[in-house]
Amino acid sequence: MKTTLGIVPYSNVGYNMVDEQDLEDIGPTDFYYQGSGGLNEFYINASIELHKNLAIGIKASYLFGKNNMARFITFPDSAYMLNTSVDSYTEVGDIFFEFGVQYNKEIGRKLTLGLGAVYLPKQQIKATNSFLVRNYFGSNSGVGLYRDTVASQLKYEGNITIPDKFGFGVMLRKSNSWMVAADYEFQKWSEFEIFGIADSLQNSMQFSLGGEYLPNPIGIVSYFNRVKYRLGFRYNRSYLYLRDIQINEFGISFGLGLPLPRSYSTVNLGFEIGRRGTTAHGLIQENFFKFTLGVAIRETWFVKRRYN
């Protein structure tokens, strides 16, 4: 039996944009959108080896965090029309589960073939929402004199629907020398709902391909012979669907597995360069860089000493 635990970001909200329009019978109208916050996932994995080649696992996650979203409608050419602000706060805190199975089989001299699958069933996550709608005088978003409150609601309890997710993978490994693997993941984000309201999200898909090379796992002359060198690629068709375009993303990653002296533990470094989005239909394209740092602790515990 093996277990792991960790905490990772699950989602992130961060935007500040304006949509300027000239509406008939109204004139220039500005729509402001702001958002911040995000959700985090604390998880515990547990796997059990049912057979020397077969293992099953379960992942229990606690999802928590808060999203802050605001919208403003302003009329820059009018000093007499009331502007409107809508502030919304959503807090999440609940548990959900994911399941997996893995099968390994030796197919040749020092060659191992691995097959795996994961499944996350459709689940309801508890959440609370508060919102406040107000009218105000002012020249831009959030600045001015509030006149009255149009509507408000505090701590409304409801659910967020996390849709089904399926994942499949295949791996080929030669002893401790090298390994290549490919993964495919699909999730039905078109079934996503928040407080009973559907969104414009589309089903997402991600394909990943990567490999690892270890020159000499028992080399003592050069430290770099015991370093694991990694290379990967991924393509993601995201759940975002904007202006009749589904937003895609791809990335190329490089990594190192640095063994610690006199230990089986490893420090893992990663660097990814990628691109997200498109400039078609007035949308935004982003080039991004991402660094990751991880520590894999592998020690022998609870061993009874033969000699004191």
C-alpha atoms as a PDB file:
ATOM      1  CA  MET A   1       0.000   0.000   0.000  1.00  0.00           C
ATOM      2  CA  LYS A   2       1.255   3.499  -0.833  1.00  0.00           C
ATOM      3  CA  THR A   3      -0.034   6.958   0.045  1.00  0.00           C
ATOM      4  CA  THR A   4       0.776  10.502  -1.016  1.00  0.00           C
ATOM      5  CA  LEU A   5      -0.575  13.892  -0.015  1.00  0.00           C
ATOM      6  CA  GLY A   6      -0.191  17.442  -1.257  1.00  0.00           C
ATOM      7  CA  ILE A   7      -1.783  20.796  -1.923  1.00  0.00           C
ATOM      8  CA  VAL A   8      -2.039  22.332  -5.409  1.00  0.00           C
ATOM      9  CA  PRO A   9      -3.953  25.165  -7.108  1.00  0.00           C
ATOM     10  CA  TYR A  10      -7.211  23.936  -8.651  1.00  0.00           C
ATOM     11  CA  SER A  11      -8.349  27.123 -10.382  1.00  0.00           C
ATOM     12  CA  ASN A  12      -7.327  30.770 -10.595  1.00  0.00           C
ATOM     13  CA  VAL A  13      -9.322  33.935 -11.242  1.00  0.00           C
ATOM     14  CA  GLY A  14      -7.547  37.100 -12.336  1.00  0.00           C
ATOM     15  CA  TYR A  15      -8.862  39.585 -14.888  1.00  0.00           C
ATOM     16  CA  ASN A  16      -9.619  43.292 -15.312  1.00  0.00           C
ATOM     17  CA  MET A  17     -11.110  44.352 -18.636  1.00  0.00           C
ATOM     18  CA  VAL A  18     -13.571  46.762 -20.240  1.00  0.00           C
ATOM     19  CA  ASP A  19     -15.944  46.362 -23.197  1.00  0.00           C
ATOM     20  CA  GLU A  20     -16.776  49.723 -24.770  1.00  0.00           C
ATOM     21  CA  GLN A  21     -19.999  49.859 -26.784  1.00  0.00           C
ATOM     22  CA  ASP A  22     -22.211  52.487 -28.403  1.00  0.00           C
ATOM     23  CA  LEU A  23     -25.774  51.360 -27.742  1.00  0.00           C
ATOM     24  CA  GLU A  24     -28.747  52.635 -29.721  1.00  0.00           C
ATOM     25  CA  ASP A  25     -30.912  55.169 -27.821  1.00  0.00           C
ATOM     26  CA  ILE A  26     -28.388  55.126 -24.953  1.00  0.00           C
ATOM     27  CA  GLY A  27     -25.043  56.183 -26.360  1.00  0.00           C
ATOM     28  CA  PRO A  28     -21.541  55.219 -25.173  1.00  0.00           C
ATOM     29  CA  THR A  29     -21.711  52.466 -22.545  1.00  0.00           C
ATOM     30  CA  ASP A  30     -18.760  50.817 -20.793  1.00  0.00           C
ATOM     31  CA  PHE A  31     -18.940  47.329 -19.300  1.00  0.00           C
ATOM     32  CA  TYR A  32     -16.201  46.613 -16.744  1.00  0.00           C
ATOM     33  CA  TYR A  33     -15.336  43.091 -15.529  1.00  0.00           C
ATOM     34  CA  GLN A  34     -13.021  42.318 -12.617  1.00  0.00           C
ATOM     35  CA  GLY A  35     -12.165  39.045 -10.883  1.00  0.00           C
ATOM     36  CA  SER A  36      -9.715  37.697  -8.317  1.00  0.00           C
ATOM     37  CA  GLY A  37      -9.207  34.681  -6.083  1.00  0.00           C
ATOM     38  CA  GLY A  38      -9.155  30.985  -6.812  1.00  0.00           C
ATOM     39  CA  LEU A  39      -9.601  27.487  -5.434  1.00  0.00           C
ATOM     40  CA  ASN A  40      -7.033  25.137  -3.915  1.00  0.00           C
ATOM     41  CA  GLU A  41      -7.035  21.365  -3.610  1.00  0.00           C
ATOM     42  CA  PHE A  42      -5.659  19.423  -0.656  1.00  0.00           C
ATOM     43  CA  TYR A  43      -5.499  15.748  -1.614  1.00  0.00           C
ATOM     44  CA  ILE A  44      -4.624  12.347  -0.171  1.00  0.00           C
ATOM     45  CA  ASN A  45      -3.968   9.428  -2.523  1.00  0.00           C
ATOM     46  CA  ALA A  46      -4.004   5.783  -1.491  1.00  0.00           C
ATOM     47  CA  SER A  47      -3.255   2.748  -3.676  1.00  0.00           C
ATOM     48  CA  ILE A  48      -3.358  -0.965  -2.983  1.00  0.00           C
ATOM     49  CA  GLU A  49      -1.530  -3.654  -4.959  1.00  0.00           C
ATOM     50  CA  LEU A  50      -4.073  -6.415  -5.556  1.00  0.00           C
ATOM     51  CA  HIS A  51      -1.627  -8.471  -7.626  1.00  0.00           C
ATOM     52  CA  LYS A  52       2.026  -8.112  -8.554  1.00  0.00           C
ATOM     53  CA  ASN A  53       0.873  -6.463 -11.806  1.00  0.00           C
ATOM     54  CA  LEU A  54      -2.403  -4.797 -10.761  1.00  0.00           C
ATOM     55  CA  ALA A  55      -3.165  -1.926  -8.399  1.00  0.00           C
ATOM     56  CA  ILE A  56      -6.194   0.251  -7.660  1.00  0.00           C
ATOM     57  CA  GLY A  57      -6.293   3.697  -6.068  1.00  0.00           C
ATOM     58  CA  ILE A  58      -8.534   6.397  -4.673  1.00  0.00           C
ATOM     59  CA  LYS A  59      -7.942  10.127  -4.372  1.00  0.00           C
ATOM     60  CA  ALA A  60      -9.797  12.132  -1.737  1.00  0.00           C
ATOM     61  CA  SER A  61      -9.614  15.905  -2.242  1.00  0.00           C
ATOM     62  CA  TYR A  62     -10.786  18.834  -0.178  1.00  0.00           C
ATOM     63  CA  LEU A  63     -11.579  21.825  -2.395  1.00  0.00           C
ATOM     64  CA  PHE A  64     -11.501  25.239  -0.739  1.00  0.00           C
ATOM     65  CA  GLY A  65     -11.139  28.907  -1.606  1.00  0.00           C
ATOM     66  CA  LYS A  66     -12.991  32.075  -2.574  1.00  0.00           C
ATOM     67  CA  ASN A  67     -13.699  33.892  -5.848  1.00  0.00           C
ATOM     68  CA  ASN A  68     -14.445  37.623  -6.000  1.00  0.00           C
ATOM     69  CA  MET A  69     -16.135  38.923  -9.155  1.00  0.00           C
ATOM     70  CA  ALA A  70     -17.417  42.395  -9.980  1.00  0.00           C
ATOM     71  CA  ARG A  71     -19.227  43.991 -12.913  1.00  0.00           C
ATOM     72  CA  PHE A  72     -19.834  47.666 -13.613  1.00  0.00           C
ATOM     73  CA  ILE A  73     -21.992  49.417 -16.208  1.00  0.00           C
ATOM     74  CA  THR A  74     -21.153  53.089 -16.719  1.00  0.00           C
ATOM     75  CA  PHE A  75     -22.275  55.845 -19.080  1.00  0.00           C
ATOM     76  CA  PRO A  76     -19.252  58.121 -19.652  1.00  0.00           C
ATOM     77  CA  ASP A  77     -21.118  60.796 -21.655  1.00  0.00           C
ATOM     78  CA  SER A  78     -23.968  61.246 -19.202  1.00  0.00           C
ATOM     79  CA  ALA A  79     -23.822  62.966 -15.828  1.00  0.00           C
ATOM     80  CA  TYR A  80     -27.459  62.118 -15.019  1.00  0.00           C
ATOM     81  CA  MET A  81     -27.673  58.380 -15.615  1.00  0.00           C
ATOM     82  CA  LEU A  82     -27.049  56.043 -12.702  1.00  0.00           C
ATOM     83  CA  ASN A  83     -24.234  53.543 -13.065  1.00  0.00           C
ATOM     84  CA  THR A  84     -24.605  49.989 -11.724  1.00  0.00           C
ATOM     85  CA  SER A  85     -22.181  47.748  -9.837  1.00  0.00           C
ATOM     86  CA  VAL A  86     -22.611  44.035  -9.127  1.00  0.00           C
ATOM     87  CA  ASP A  87     -20.295  42.423  -6.537  1.00  0.00           C
ATOM     88  CA  SER A  88     -20.360  38.644  -6.143  1.00  0.00           C
ATOM     89  CA  TYR A  89     -18.458  36.395  -3.711  1.00  0.00           C
ATOM     90  CA  THR A  90     -18.407  32.607  -3.888  1.00  0.00           C
ATOM     91  CA  GLU A  91     -16.837  30.420  -1.175  1.00  0.00           C
ATOM     92  CA  VAL A  92     -16.182  26.694  -1.635  1.00  0.00           C
ATOM     93  CA  GLY A  93     -15.358  23.998   0.912  1.00  0.00           C
ATOM     94  CA  ASP A  94     -16.153  20.339   0.268  1.00  0.00           C
ATOM     95  CA  ILE A  95     -14.734  16.875  -0.479  1.00  0.00           C
ATOM     96  CA  PHE A  96     -14.763  14.956  -3.767  1.00  0.00           C
ATOM     97  CA  PHE A  97     -13.273  11.656  -4.936  1.00  0.00           C
ATOM     98  CA  GLU A  98     -11.419  10.242  -7.936  1.00  0.00           C
ATOM     99  CA  PHE A  99     -10.562   6.614  -8.729  1.00  0.00           C
ATOM    100  CA  GLY A 100      -7.798   4.909 -10.665  1.00  0.00           C
ATOM    101  CA  VAL A 101      -6.411   1.554 -11.800  1.00  0.00           C
ATOM    102  CA  GLN A 102      -2.964   0.588 -13.077  1.00  0.00           C
ATOM    103  CA  TYR A 103      -1.598  -2.551 -14.712  1.00  0.00           C
ATOM    104  CA  ASN A 104       2.088  -3.322 -15.348  1.00  0.00           C
ATOM    105  CA  LYS A 105       3.471  -6.225 -17.355  1.00  0.00           C
ATOM    106  CA  GLU A 106       7.003  -7.253 -18.298  1.00  0.00           C
ATOM    107  CA  ILE A 107       7.112  -7.690 -22.071  1.00  0.00           C
ATOM    108  CA  GLY A 108      10.797  -8.246 -22.659  1.00  0.00           C
ATOM    109  CA  ARG A 109      14.219  -8.086 -21.141  1.00  0.00           C
ATOM    110  CA  LYS A 110      14.053  -5.270 -18.603  1.00  0.00           C
ATOM    111  CA  LEU A 111      11.060  -3.785 -20.499  1.00  0.00           C
ATOM    112  CA  THR A 112       7.799  -3.002 -18.686  1.00  0.00           C
ATOM    113  CA  LEU A 113       4.508  -1.922 -20.246  1.00  0.00           C
ATOM    114  CA  GLY A 114       2.135   0.052 -18.065  1.00  0.00           C
ATOM    115  CA  LEU A 115      -1.547   0.840 -18.636  1.00  0.00           C
ATOM    116  CA  GLY A 116      -3.639   3.130 -16.471  1.00  0.00           C
ATOM    117  CA  ALA A 117      -7.034   4.766 -16.219  1.00  0.00           C
ATOM    118  CA  VAL A 118      -8.665   7.364 -13.943  1.00  0.00           C
ATOM    119  CA  TYR A 119     -12.305   8.261 -13.443  1.00  0.00           C
ATOM    120  CA  LEU A 120     -13.847  11.195 -11.610  1.00  0.00           C
ATOM    121  CA  PRO A 121     -17.631  10.760 -11.308  1.00  0.00           C
ATOM    122  CA  LYS A 122     -19.982  13.714 -11.525  1.00  0.00           C
ATOM    123  CA  GLN A 123     -20.188  15.258  -8.057  1.00  0.00           C
ATOM    124  CA  GLN A 124     -21.827  18.127  -6.185  1.00  0.00           C
ATOM    125  CA  ILE A 125     -19.558  20.502  -4.265  1.00  0.00           C
ATOM    126  CA  LYS A 126     -21.100  22.628  -1.513  1.00  0.00           C
ATOM    127  CA  ALA A 127     -20.671  26.389  -1.881  1.00  0.00           C
ATOM    128  CA  THR A 128     -22.084  29.683  -0.634  1.00  0.00           C
ATOM    129  CA  ASN A 129     -22.684  32.851  -2.632  1.00  0.00           C
ATOM    130  CA  SER A 130     -23.199  36.474  -1.617  1.00  0.00           C
ATOM    131  CA  PHE A 131     -23.938  39.352  -3.958  1.00  0.00           C
ATOM    132  CA  LEU A 132     -24.677  43.063  -3.805  1.00  0.00           C
ATOM    133  CA  VAL A 133     -26.187  45.195  -6.609  1.00  0.00           C
ATOM    134  CA  ARG A 134     -25.974  48.990  -6.198  1.00  0.00           C
ATOM    135  CA  ASN A 135     -26.553  52.172  -8.212  1.00  0.00           C
ATOM    136  CA  TYR A 136     -24.066  55.003  -8.035  1.00  0.00           C
ATOM    137  CA  PHE A 137     -22.987  58.276  -9.622  1.00  0.00           C
ATOM    138  CA  GLY A 138     -19.458  58.342 -10.956  1.00  0.00           C
ATOM    139  CA  SER A 139     -17.260  58.506 -14.010  1.00  0.00           C
ATOM    140  CA  ASN A 140     -15.727  55.026 -13.947  1.00  0.00           C
ATOM    141  CA  SER A 141     -15.994  51.618 -12.334  1.00  0.00           C
ATOM    142  CA  GLY A 142     -16.294  51.573  -8.592  1.00  0.00           C
ATOM    143  CA  VAL A 143     -15.598  55.310  -8.097  1.00  0.00           C
ATOM    144  CA  GLY A 144     -18.432  57.602  -7.145  1.00  0.00           C
ATOM    145  CA  LEU A 145     -21.299  58.141  -4.741  1.00  0.00           C
ATOM    146  CA  TYR A 146     -23.560  55.146  -4.091  1.00  0.00           C
ATOM    147  CA  ARG A 147     -27.213  56.102  -4.163  1.00  0.00           C
ATOM    148  CA  ASP A 148     -29.127  52.940  -3.290  1.00  0.00           C
ATOM    149  CA  THR A 149     -29.005  49.143  -3.082  1.00  0.00           C
ATOM    150  CA  VAL A 150     -30.973  47.349  -5.784  1.00  0.00           C
ATOM    151  CA  ALA A 151     -30.585  43.784  -4.502  1.00  0.00           C
ATOM    152  CA  SER A 152     -28.506  41.843  -1.978  1.00  0.00           C
ATOM    153  CA  GLN A 153     -28.094  38.321  -0.703  1.00  0.00           C
ATOM    154  CA  LEU A 154     -25.798  36.905   1.979  1.00  0.00           C
ATOM    155  CA  LYS A 155     -24.521  33.336   2.316  1.00  0.00           C
ATOM    156  CA  TYR A 156     -26.873  31.634  -0.117  1.00  0.00           C
ATOM    157  CA  GLU A 157     -26.098  27.904   0.053  1.00  0.00           C
ATOM    158  CA  GLY A 158     -25.993  25.779  -3.072  1.00  0.00           C
ATOM    159  CA  ASN A 159     -23.901  23.383  -5.127  1.00  0.00           C
ATOM    160  CA  ILE A 160     -21.288  23.476  -7.859  1.00  0.00           C
ATOM    161  CA  THR A 161     -21.419  20.542 -10.270  1.00  0.00           C
ATOM    162  CA  ILE A 162     -18.043  19.046 -11.155  1.00  0.00           C
ATOM    163  CA  PRO A 163     -18.605  16.956 -14.319  1.00  0.00           C
ATOM    164  CA  ASP A 164     -17.338  13.484 -15.200  1.00  0.00           C
ATOM    165  CA  LYS A 165     -13.672  13.070 -16.149  1.00  0.00           C
ATOM    166  CA  PHE A 166     -12.050  10.130 -17.925  1.00  0.00           C
ATOM    167  CA  GLY A 167      -8.333   9.565 -18.379  1.00  0.00           C
ATOM    168  CA  PHE A 168      -6.211   6.879 -20.017  1.00  0.00           C
ATOM    169  CA  GLY A 169      -2.456   6.385 -20.190  1.00  0.00           C
ATOM    170  CA  VAL A 170       0.255   4.082 -21.503  1.00  0.00           C
ATOM    171  CA  MET A 171       3.876   3.829 -20.399  1.00  0.00           C
ATOM    172  CA  LEU A 172       6.971   1.930 -21.587  1.00  0.00           C
ATOM    173  CA  ARG A 173       9.958   1.679 -19.254  1.00  0.00           C
ATOM    174  CA  LYS A 174      13.345  -0.002 -19.480  1.00  0.00           C
ATOM    175  CA  SER A 175      14.535  -0.820 -15.979  1.00  0.00           C
ATOM    176  CA  ASN A 176      15.767   2.430 -14.428  1.00  0.00           C
ATOM    177  CA  SER A 177      17.326   3.744 -17.663  1.00  0.00           C
ATOM    178  CA  TRP A 178      14.484   5.427 -19.548  1.00  0.00           C
ATOM    179  CA  MET A 179      10.730   5.804 -19.718  1.00  0.00           C
ATOM    180  CA  VAL A 180       8.206   7.235 -22.214  1.00  0.00           C
ATOM    181  CA  ALA A 181       4.515   7.814 -21.513  1.00  0.00           C
ATOM    182  CA  ALA A 182       1.385   9.254 -23.110  1.00  0.00           C
ATOM    183  CA  ASP A 183      -1.873  10.384 -21.462  1.00  0.00           C
ATOM    184  CA  TYR A 184      -5.303  11.406 -22.720  1.00  0.00           C
ATOM    185  CA  GLU A 185      -7.915  13.149 -20.567  1.00  0.00           C
ATOM    186  CA  PHE A 186     -11.502  14.193 -21.319  1.00  0.00           C
ATOM    187  CA  GLN A 187     -13.946  16.078 -19.083  1.00  0.00           C
ATOM    188  CA  LYS A 188     -17.596  17.006 -19.719  1.00  0.00           C
ATOM    189  CA  TRP A 189     -17.478  20.685 -18.775  1.00  0.00           C
ATOM    190  CA  SER A 190     -20.635  21.279 -20.836  1.00  0.00           C
ATOM    191  CA  GLU A 191     -22.486  19.775 -17.830  1.00  0.00           C
ATOM    192  CA  PHE A 192     -20.950  22.240 -15.362  1.00  0.00           C
ATOM    193  CA  GLU A 193     -23.435  24.157 -13.210  1.00  0.00           C
ATOM    194  CA  ILE A 194     -23.087  26.650 -10.387  1.00  0.00           C
ATOM    195  CA  PHE A 195     -26.106  27.152  -8.097  1.00  0.00           C
ATOM    196  CA  GLY A 196     -28.285  25.433 -10.706  1.00  0.00           C
ATOM    197  CA  ILE A 197     -27.208  27.727 -13.562  1.00  0.00           C
ATOM    198  CA  ALA A 198     -25.357  26.342 -16.594  1.00  0.00           C
ATOM    199  CA  ASP A 199     -22.409  28.139 -18.166  1.00  0.00           C
ATOM    200  CA  SER A 200     -21.056  28.434 -21.708  1.00  0.00           C
ATOM    201  CA  LEU A 201     -18.241  25.948 -21.051  1.00  0.00           C
ATOM    202  CA  GLN A 202     -17.400  23.217 -23.556  1.00  0.00           C
ATOM    203  CA  ASN A 203     -16.006  19.720 -23.084  1.00  0.00           C
ATOM    204  CA  SER A 204     -12.233  19.781 -22.584  1.00  0.00           C
ATOM    205  CA  MET A 205      -9.505  17.445 -23.835  1.00  0.00           C
ATOM    206  CA  GLN A 206      -5.791  17.176 -23.084  1.00  0.00           C
ATOM    207  CA  PHE A 207      -3.093  14.992 -24.668  1.00  0.00           C
ATOM    208  CA  SER A 208       0.341  14.702 -23.058  1.00  0.00           C
ATOM    209  CA  LEU A 209       3.534  12.969 -24.169  1.00  0.00           C
ATOM    210  CA  GLY A 210       6.762  12.806 -22.196  1.00  0.00           C
ATOM    211  CA  GLY A 211       9.907  10.913 -21.409  1.00  0.00           C
ATOM    212  CA  GLU A 212      12.661  10.522 -18.849  1.00  0.00           C
ATOM    213  CA  TYR A 213      16.294   9.409 -19.184  1.00  0.00           C
ATOM    214  CA  LEU A 214      18.699   8.355 -16.437  1.00  0.00           C
ATOM    215  CA  PRO A 215      22.303   7.849 -17.672  1.00  0.00           C
ATOM    216  CA  ASN A 216      23.536   5.652 -14.794  1.00  0.00           C
ATOM    217  CA  PRO A 217      21.400   5.065 -11.687  1.00  0.00           C
ATOM    218  CA  ILE A 218      24.324   3.678  -9.663  1.00  0.00           C
ATOM    219  CA  GLY A 219      27.059   5.931 -11.056  1.00  0.00           C
ATOM    220  CA  ILE A 220      29.453   7.209  -8.406  1.00  0.00           C
ATOM    221  CA  VAL A 221      32.011   9.015 -10.573  1.00  0.00           C
ATOM    222  CA  SER A 222      29.741  11.797 -11.833  1.00  0.00           C
ATOM    223  CA  TYR A 223      26.719  13.196 -10.025  1.00  0.00           C
ATOM    224  CA  PHE A 224      25.115  14.155 -13.365  1.00  0.00           C
ATOM    225  CA  ASN A 225      24.956  10.468 -14.371  1.00  0.00           C
ATOM    226  CA  ARG A 226      22.390  10.015 -11.573  1.00  0.00           C
ATOM    227  CA  VAL A 227      20.266  13.015 -12.623  1.00  0.00           C
ATOM    228  CA  LYS A 228      16.972  12.273 -14.410  1.00  0.00           C
ATOM    229  CA  TYR A 229      16.495  14.347 -17.579  1.00  0.00           C
ATOM    230  CA  ARG A 230      12.898  14.948 -18.698  1.00  0.00           C
ATOM    231  CA  LEU A 231      11.139  16.318 -21.757  1.00  0.00           C
ATOM    232  CA  GLY A 232       7.401  16.668 -22.400  1.00  0.00           C
ATOM    233  CA  PHE A 233       4.698  18.120 -24.634  1.00  0.00           C
ATOM    234  CA  ARG A 234       0.995  18.732 -24.047  1.00  0.00           C
ATOM    235  CA  TYR A 235      -1.959  20.029 -26.034  1.00  0.00           C
ATOM    236  CA  ASN A 236      -5.086  21.212 -24.266  1.00  0.00           C
ATOM    237  CA  ARG A 237      -8.452  22.078 -25.800  1.00  0.00           C
ATOM    238  CA  SER A 238      -9.799  24.011 -22.859  1.00  0.00           C
ATOM    239  CA  TYR A 239     -13.369  24.410 -21.620  1.00  0.00           C
ATOM    240  CA  LEU A 240     -13.421  28.117 -22.566  1.00  0.00           C
ATOM    241  CA  TYR A 241     -15.635  28.994 -25.553  1.00  0.00           C
ATOM    242  CA  LEU A 242     -15.478  32.666 -26.504  1.00  0.00           C
ATOM    243  CA  ARG A 243     -16.893  34.369 -29.608  1.00  0.00           C
ATOM    244  CA  ASP A 244     -17.543  31.020 -31.330  1.00  0.00           C
ATOM    245  CA  ILE A 245     -13.950  29.859 -30.702  1.00  0.00           C
ATOM    246  CA  GLN A 246     -12.812  27.192 -28.251  1.00  0.00           C
ATOM    247  CA  ILE A 247      -9.601  28.345 -26.546  1.00  0.00           C
ATOM    248  CA  ASN A 248      -6.626  26.008 -26.993  1.00  0.00           C
ATOM    249  CA  GLU A 249      -3.291  25.774 -25.219  1.00  0.00           C
ATOM    250  CA  PHE A 250      -0.015  23.919 -25.747  1.00  0.00           C
ATOM    251  CA  GLY A 251       3.259  23.703 -23.863  1.00  0.00           C
ATOM    252  CA  ILE A 252       6.727  22.172 -24.029  1.00  0.00           C
ATOM    253  CA  SER A 253       8.371  21.295 -20.727  1.00  0.00           C
ATOM    254  CA  PHE A 254      11.870  20.436 -19.543  1.00  0.00           C
ATOM    255  CA  GLY A 255      12.778  18.947 -16.198  1.00  0.00           C
ATOM    256  CA  LEU A 256      15.481  17.571 -13.933  1.00  0.00           C
ATOM    257  CA  GLY A 257      15.256  15.013 -11.122  1.00  0.00           C
ATOM    258  CA  LEU A 258      18.099  15.796  -8.724  1.00  0.00           C
ATOM    259  CA  PRO A 259      18.897  12.985  -6.236  1.00  0.00           C
ATOM    260  CA  LEU A 260      19.771  13.991  -2.696  1.00  0.00           C
ATOM    261  CA  PRO A 261      23.062  12.676  -1.246  1.00  0.00           C
ATOM    262  CA  ARG A 262      22.810   9.460   0.779  1.00  0.00           C
ATOM    263  CA  SER A 263      19.070   9.297   0.157  1.00  0.00           C
ATOM    264  CA  TYR A 264      16.451   7.913  -2.230  1.00  0.00           C
ATOM    265  CA  SER A 265      14.603  11.258  -2.191  1.00  0.00           C
ATOM    266  CA  THR A 266      14.647  13.592  -5.190  1.00  0.00           C
ATOM    267  CA  VAL A 267      14.261  17.305  -5.851  1.00  0.00           C
ATOM    268  CA  ASN A 268      12.299  17.854  -9.082  1.00  0.00           C
ATOM    269  CA  LEU A 269      12.719  21.019 -11.150  1.00  0.00           C
ATOM    270  CA  GLY A 270      10.535  21.866 -14.150  1.00  0.00           C
ATOM    271  CA  PHE A 271      10.249  24.614 -16.736  1.00  0.00           C
ATOM    272  CA  GLU A 272       7.459  24.997 -19.273  1.00  0.00           C
ATOM    273  CA  ILE A 273       7.017  27.388 -22.185  1.00  0.00           C
ATOM    274  CA  GLY A 274       3.671  27.584 -23.937  1.00  0.00           C
ATOM    275  CA  ARG A 275       0.958  29.547 -25.671  1.00  0.00           C
ATOM    276  CA  ARG A 276      -2.718  30.014 -24.834  1.00  0.00           C
ATOM    277  CA  GLY A 277      -5.527  31.559 -26.877  1.00  0.00           C
ATOM    278  CA  THR A 278      -5.786  33.267 -30.263  1.00  0.00           C
ATOM    279  CA  THR A 279      -5.944  36.774 -31.702  1.00  0.00           C
ATOM    280  CA  ALA A 280      -8.902  35.879 -33.977  1.00  0.00           C
ATOM    281  CA  HIS A 281     -12.185  37.766 -33.441  1.00  0.00           C
ATOM    282  CA  GLY A 282     -10.481  40.265 -31.133  1.00  0.00           C
ATOM    283  CA  LEU A 283      -9.462  37.666 -28.533  1.00  0.00           C
ATOM    284  CA  ILE A 284      -6.227  37.524 -26.564  1.00  0.00           C
ATOM    285  CA  GLN A 285      -3.207  35.288 -27.106  1.00  0.00           C
ATOM    286  CA  GLU A 286      -0.765  34.720 -24.268  1.00  0.00           C
ATOM    287  CA  ASN A 287       2.778  33.360 -24.217  1.00  0.00           C
ATOM    288  CA  PHE A 288       3.659  32.002 -20.790  1.00  0.00           C
ATOM    289  CA  PHE A 289       6.523  30.527 -18.795  1.00  0.00           C
ATOM    290  CA  LYS A 290       6.055  28.319 -15.751  1.00  0.00           C
ATOM    291  CA  PHE A 291       8.534  27.038 -13.162  1.00  0.00           C
ATOM    292  CA  THR A 292       7.803  24.154 -10.801  1.00  0.00           C
ATOM    293  CA  LEU A 293       9.630  22.814  -7.756  1.00  0.00           C
ATOM    294  CA  GLY A 294       8.817  19.551  -6.042  1.00  0.00           C
ATOM    295  CA  VAL A 295      10.324  17.146  -3.515  1.00  0.00           C
ATOM    296  CA  ALA A 296       9.717  13.391  -3.722  1.00  0.00           C
ATOM    297  CA  ILE A 297      10.506  11.851  -0.330  1.00  0.00           C
ATOM    298  CA  ARG A 298      11.337   8.160  -0.473  1.00  0.00           C
ATOM    299  CA  GLU A 299      12.712   6.788   2.766  1.00  0.00           C
ATOM    300  CA  THR A 300      12.591   3.477   4.581  1.00  0.00           C
ATOM    301  CA  TRP A 301      10.595   3.717   7.815  1.00  0.00           C
ATOM    302  CA  PHE A 302       9.499   1.292  10.550  1.00  0.00           C
ATOM    303  CA  VAL A 303      12.408  -1.119  10.015  1.00  0.00           C
ATOM    304  CA  LYS A 304      13.233  -3.167  13.074  1.00  0.00           C
ATOM    305  CA  ARG A 305      16.927  -3.147  13.853  1.00  0.00           C
ATOM    306  CA  ARG A 306      18.765  -6.448  14.031  1.00  0.00           C
ATOM    307  CA  TYR A 307      21.558  -5.035  16.161  1.00  0.00           C
ATOM    308  CA  ASN A 308      21.520  -2.175  18.671  1.00  0.00           C
END
